[in-house]
C-alpha cells in the first residue's frame, strides 16, 4: 500500500463495532466492481499468501457469496456472505460468517453485519465500513484471529489489482 493512502481500523468494544476507512487510488466504479464481481474478488480477497476462490455468488438483495480462502498447504477456510441491501455503486449491507464447503454456518464462530459505503473523492475512492458483532466476546474472537493484519494484507492486494485494471 502506498503510505499516503488512508487506512483506519477503529475498534469500539462498547458498541461491538469495527469502523474501517480505506482509501484506494481508483475510481468508485472500478472499486465497486472489485467488491461485487466474483472473478475480481477471487484475485484479491485473501491475505497473502492465501488465495480466494468463489464457489457461488449471487450479488443481489437476498443473494449470497460462498467462497474459500486456501493457504499454501491446502488448508481451506470457508466463508458466507448474505447480501441484505444494495444501492449500486454506493453501498451494501451484508451478514458474514464462517461456514463449511456446503455453506453450513459454523455456530461456534461469530457472524457480523457489514455496512460498506463507496465514497468517491476526485480520482480516489474511500471504502467506509462499519462491522457490528453481536457481543464483545465475538468482537474479541475475530481480533484475536488476526482480523486487522489480515484485512490490511488483503486490501494491499486490492491496491495491486487496481493498478493492473486501470
Protein backbone atom coordinates (compact mmCIF):
# COMPACT_ATOMS: atom_id res chain seq x y z
CA UNK A 1 0.00 0.00 0.00
CA UNK A 2 1.21 3.46 -0.75
CA UNK A 3 1.97 5.12 2.57
CA UNK A 4 -0.11 8.15 1.62
CA UNK A 5 -3.37 6.14 1.30
CA UNK A 6 -5.61 6.27 4.37
CA UNK A 7 -6.27 3.12 6.42
CA UNK A 8 -8.15 3.47 9.71
CA UNK A 9 -9.17 0.47 11.83
CA UNK A 10 -11.07 1.66 14.91
CA UNK A 11 -12.38 -0.82 17.47
CA UNK A 12 -15.23 0.24 19.78
CA UNK A 13 -15.70 -2.54 22.33
CA UNK A 14 -18.67 -0.74 23.94
CA UNK A 15 -20.59 -0.74 20.64
CA UNK A 16 -19.07 -4.09 19.48
CA UNK A 17 -18.02 -2.46 16.21
CA UNK A 18 -15.03 -2.01 13.98
CA UNK A 19 -15.03 1.08 11.78
CA UNK A 20 -12.76 0.79 8.77
CA UNK A 21 -11.86 3.53 6.31
CA UNK A 22 -9.58 2.62 3.41
CA UNK A 23 -8.56 4.83 0.50
CA UNK A 24 -7.87 3.50 -2.99
CA UNK A 25 -6.27 5.32 -5.92
CA UNK A 26 -9.06 4.34 -8.32
CA UNK A 27 -12.50 5.46 -9.45
CA UNK A 28 -15.53 4.29 -7.48
CA UNK A 29 -16.99 2.14 -10.28
CA UNK A 30 -13.79 0.09 -10.52
CA UNK A 31 -13.53 -0.37 -6.74
CA UNK A 32 -17.24 -1.31 -6.62
CA UNK A 33 -16.68 -3.92 -9.34
CA UNK A 34 -13.75 -5.39 -7.39
CA UNK A 35 -16.01 -5.82 -4.34
CA UNK A 36 -19.04 -7.19 -6.20
CA UNK A 37 -17.83 -9.46 -9.03
CA UNK A 38 -16.53 -12.91 -8.14
CA UNK A 39 -13.95 -13.01 -10.93
CA UNK A 40 -12.34 -9.91 -9.40
CA UNK A 41 -12.85 -10.89 -5.75
CA UNK A 42 -11.01 -14.15 -6.45
CA UNK A 43 -7.94 -12.11 -7.42
CA UNK A 44 -7.60 -10.20 -4.13
CA UNK A 45 -9.93 -11.21 -1.30
CA UNK A 46 -7.46 -13.08 0.92
CA UNK A 47 -4.41 -12.04 2.90
CA UNK A 48 -1.05 -13.08 1.46
CA UNK A 49 -0.09 -15.88 0.94
CA UNK A 50 -3.67 -17.24 0.84
CA UNK A 51 -5.77 -17.31 -2.32
CA UNK A 52 -9.54 -16.95 -2.72
CA UNK A 53 -11.95 -18.97 -4.83
CA UNK A 54 -15.68 -18.42 -5.22
CA UNK A 55 -17.94 -21.46 -5.05
CA UNK A 56 -21.12 -19.46 -5.75
CA UNK A 57 -22.16 -15.83 -5.87
CA UNK A 58 -25.48 -14.10 -6.42
CA UNK A 59 -24.89 -10.39 -5.85
CA UNK A 60 -28.40 -9.10 -5.22
CA UNK A 61 -30.53 -8.32 -2.20
CA UNK A 62 -31.28 -11.71 -0.67
CA UNK A 63 -28.33 -13.24 -2.53
CA UNK A 64 -25.05 -14.61 -1.21
CA UNK A 65 -21.35 -15.15 -1.74
CA UNK A 66 -19.85 -18.52 -0.76
CA UNK A 67 -16.07 -18.64 -1.02
CA UNK A 68 -12.94 -20.24 0.35
CA UNK A 69 -9.52 -18.93 1.28
CA UNK A 70 -6.77 -21.50 0.74
CA UNK A 71 -3.34 -21.41 2.37
CA UNK A 72 -0.17 -22.72 0.66
CA UNK A 73 -0.51 -26.07 2.49
CA UNK A 74 -4.00 -26.55 1.02
CA UNK A 75 -5.98 -25.81 4.19
CA UNK A 76 -9.38 -24.30 3.42
CA UNK A 77 -11.20 -21.53 5.29
CA UNK A 78 -14.78 -21.17 4.08
CA UNK A 79 -16.98 -18.08 4.44
CA UNK A 80 -20.51 -16.99 3.59
CA UNK A 81 -21.94 -13.51 2.96
CA UNK A 82 -25.70 -12.86 2.88
CA UNK A 83 -26.48 -9.64 0.97
CA UNK A 84 -29.19 -7.72 2.81
CA UNK A 85 -29.38 -4.42 0.91
CA UNK A 86 -27.62 -2.99 -2.12
CA UNK A 87 -27.52 0.54 -3.52
CA UNK A 88 -25.46 0.14 -6.70
CA UNK A 89 -22.07 1.85 -6.67
CA UNK A 90 -22.88 3.47 -3.31
CA UNK A 91 -23.26 0.84 -0.59
CA UNK A 92 -24.26 -2.60 0.50
CA UNK A 93 -25.09 -4.34 3.74
CA UNK A 94 -24.12 -7.95 4.26
CA UNK A 95 -24.00 -10.50 7.05
CA UNK A 96 -20.86 -12.60 7.06
CA UNK A 97 -19.89 -15.80 8.80
CA UNK A 98 -17.64 -18.81 8.71
CA UNK A 99 -19.03 -21.96 7.16
CA UNK A 100 -18.06 -25.26 5.55
CA UNK A 101 -17.77 -26.23 1.89
CA UNK A 102 -21.52 -26.88 1.79
CA UNK A 103 -22.33 -23.40 3.09
CA UNK A 104 -23.47 -24.53 6.55
CA UNK A 105 -22.62 -21.77 9.02
CA UNK A 106 -20.32 -22.57 11.93
CA UNK A 107 -22.36 -21.74 15.06
CA UNK A 108 -19.18 -21.56 17.17
CA UNK A 109 -17.65 -18.66 15.24
CA UNK A 110 -19.04 -15.11 15.14
CA UNK A 111 -21.17 -13.54 12.46
CA UNK A 112 -21.19 -9.83 11.81
CA UNK A 113 -23.18 -7.27 9.90
CA UNK A 114 -21.14 -5.16 7.47
CA UNK A 115 -22.34 -1.83 6.14
CA UNK A 116 -19.93 -0.81 3.38
CA UNK A 117 -20.07 2.54 1.60
CA UNK A 118 -18.11 3.59 -1.51
CA UNK A 119 -17.29 7.31 -1.45
CA UNK A 120 -15.59 8.93 -4.44
CA UNK A 121 -13.24 11.85 -3.86
CA UNK A 122 -11.60 13.08 -7.04
CA UNK A 123 -9.61 10.23 -8.55
CA UNK A 124 -9.74 8.23 -5.31
CA UNK A 125 -12.38 6.10 -3.60
CA UNK A 126 -12.86 5.60 0.12
CA UNK A 127 -14.38 2.40 1.45
CA UNK A 128 -16.10 3.15 4.75
CA UNK A 129 -17.27 0.05 6.59
CA UNK A 130 -18.86 -0.47 9.96
CA UNK A 131 -18.76 -4.08 11.11
CA UNK A 132 -21.07 -4.89 14.03
CA UNK A 133 -20.74 -8.02 16.18
CA UNK A 134 -23.47 -9.37 18.44
CA UNK A 135 -21.34 -9.04 21.58
CA UNK A 136 -17.89 -8.13 22.86
CA UNK A 137 -16.78 -11.79 23.01
CA UNK A 138 -17.43 -12.18 19.26
CA UNK A 139 -15.52 -8.98 18.53
CA UNK A 140 -12.60 -10.16 20.68
CA UNK A 141 -12.58 -13.53 18.89
CA UNK A 142 -12.09 -12.03 15.43
CA UNK A 143 -9.49 -9.58 16.68
CA UNK A 144 -7.54 -12.46 18.24
CA UNK A 145 -7.84 -14.34 14.93
CA UNK A 146 -5.81 -11.53 13.34
CA UNK A 147 -8.53 -9.58 11.55
CA UNK A 148 -6.67 -6.26 11.45
CA UNK A 149 -3.44 -7.64 9.95
CA UNK A 150 -5.30 -9.96 7.59
CA UNK A 151 -7.51 -7.14 6.37
CA UNK A 152 -4.54 -4.83 5.83
CA UNK A 153 -2.81 -7.51 3.73
CA UNK A 154 -6.00 -8.24 1.78
CA UNK A 155 -6.56 -4.57 0.94
CA UNK A 156 -2.95 -4.23 -0.22
CA UNK A 157 -3.75 -6.97 -2.72
CA UNK A 158 -6.65 -4.89 -3.96
CA UNK A 159 -4.25 -1.95 -4.42
CA UNK A 160 -2.08 -4.19 -6.60
CA UNK A 161 -5.05 -5.41 -8.65
CA UNK A 162 -6.39 -1.89 -9.19
CA UNK A 163 -3.05 -0.85 -10.72
CA UNK A 164 -3.38 -3.62 -13.33
CA UNK A 165 -7.05 -2.79 -14.09
CA UNK A 166 -6.73 0.98 -14.67
